[in-house]
């Protein structure tokens, strides 16, 4: 399963063994549960990047696992493999063969 959700029970047990407690957990509504039974995926907004951040009660970061940052802007993204680079015009007066 994506993003490691199948490992939540293991993580919960480990955290409980260290004194942490789960205060709240998301639940499906009746309608969403009925849609899931029909095989429809839950309507969720995909995050821009996957990752996990665990904070203490005061909001201090205890653990963070995030992928390396992406590109700063669109121009930084390299062309796809095998893509031709645009031809550059030559101003040296050399003739091109047709």
Protein backbone atom coordinates (compact mmCIF):
# COMPACT_ATOMS: atom_id res chain seq x y z
CA UNK A 1 0.00 0.00 0.00
CA UNK A 2 1.18 3.52 -0.72
CA UNK A 3 3.01 5.72 1.78
CA UNK A 4 3.40 2.90 4.33
CA UNK A 5 -0.13 3.03 5.74
CA UNK A 6 -0.09 -0.75 6.22
CA UNK A 7 2.64 -0.28 8.83
CA UNK A 8 0.58 2.04 11.04
CA UNK A 9 -0.27 -0.77 13.53
CA UNK A 10 3.44 -1.55 13.98
CA UNK A 11 4.31 2.13 14.48
CA UNK A 12 1.40 2.58 16.90
CA UNK A 13 2.59 -0.32 19.03
CA UNK A 14 6.16 0.99 19.11
CA UNK A 15 5.01 4.48 20.09
CA UNK A 16 2.68 3.11 22.79
CA UNK A 17 5.58 1.09 24.23
CA UNK A 18 7.49 4.38 24.60
CA UNK A 19 4.63 6.16 26.36
CA UNK A 20 2.94 7.88 23.42
CA UNK A 21 -0.85 7.78 23.04
CA UNK A 22 -3.09 8.22 20.00
CA UNK A 23 -5.44 11.13 20.66
CA UNK A 24 -7.42 11.09 17.42
CA UNK A 25 -7.70 9.06 14.28
CA UNK A 26 -9.51 9.67 10.99
CA UNK A 27 -12.69 7.66 10.42
CA UNK A 28 -14.74 6.99 7.28
CA UNK A 29 -18.27 8.37 7.18
CA UNK A 30 -21.11 5.97 6.31
CA UNK A 31 -21.20 7.29 2.76
CA UNK A 32 -17.45 6.98 2.30
CA UNK A 33 -17.50 3.46 3.76
CA UNK A 34 -20.26 2.48 1.29
CA UNK A 35 -18.23 3.88 -1.62
CA UNK A 36 -15.15 1.97 -0.43
CA UNK A 37 -17.14 -1.26 -0.35
CA UNK A 38 -17.98 -0.61 -4.02
CA UNK A 39 -14.25 -0.32 -4.74
CA UNK A 40 -14.12 3.46 -5.21
CA UNK A 41 -11.07 5.24 -3.78
CA UNK A 42 -11.46 7.82 -1.06
CA UNK A 43 -11.46 11.37 -2.43
CA UNK A 44 -8.23 12.75 -1.05
CA UNK A 45 -5.94 15.49 -2.21
CA UNK A 46 -2.52 14.06 -3.00
CA UNK A 47 0.29 15.89 -1.19
CA UNK A 48 2.89 17.64 -3.27
CA UNK A 49 5.49 15.43 -1.60
CA UNK A 50 5.20 12.37 0.55
CA UNK A 51 6.81 12.26 3.96
CA UNK A 52 6.32 11.76 7.64
CA UNK A 53 6.76 14.27 10.44
CA UNK A 54 6.27 13.42 14.11
CA UNK A 55 5.96 16.26 16.58
CA UNK A 56 5.62 16.32 20.36
CA UNK A 57 2.74 18.02 22.19
CA UNK A 58 4.43 21.40 21.94
CA UNK A 59 4.91 21.04 18.18
CA UNK A 60 8.65 20.40 18.33
CA UNK A 61 9.84 18.10 15.55
CA UNK A 62 10.92 14.68 16.86
CA UNK A 63 11.32 12.84 13.56
CA UNK A 64 11.15 13.73 9.90
CA UNK A 65 11.46 11.56 6.80
CA UNK A 66 11.00 13.47 3.60
CA UNK A 67 12.34 12.89 0.11
CA UNK A 68 14.99 15.16 -1.33
CA UNK A 69 13.60 18.48 -2.52
CA UNK A 70 12.45 18.75 -6.12
CA UNK A 71 13.38 21.38 -8.67
CA UNK A 72 13.33 25.03 -7.67
CA UNK A 73 11.38 26.07 -10.77
CA UNK A 74 10.15 24.76 -14.11
CA UNK A 75 13.25 25.92 -15.97
CA UNK A 76 15.44 23.74 -13.73
CA UNK A 77 13.74 20.53 -14.86
CA UNK A 78 15.98 18.74 -17.39
CA UNK A 79 14.51 17.66 -20.74
CA UNK A 80 13.25 14.07 -21.01
CA UNK A 81 15.84 11.46 -21.96
CA UNK A 82 16.23 11.26 -25.72
CA UNK A 83 14.67 14.67 -26.32
CA UNK A 84 16.31 16.79 -28.98
CA UNK A 85 17.72 20.09 -27.90
CA UNK A 86 16.43 23.09 -29.87
CA UNK A 87 18.61 24.16 -32.81
CA UNK A 88 20.51 27.32 -32.23
CA UNK A 89 20.87 29.84 -34.98
CA UNK A 90 24.38 30.53 -36.17
CA UNK A 91 25.30 34.10 -36.80
CA UNK A 92 28.75 33.26 -38.17
CA UNK A 93 27.52 33.25 -41.76
CA UNK A 94 28.10 29.52 -42.20
CA UNK A 95 25.63 27.91 -44.56
CA UNK A 96 23.55 24.93 -43.45
CA UNK A 97 23.08 21.99 -45.77
CA UNK A 98 19.44 21.50 -46.65
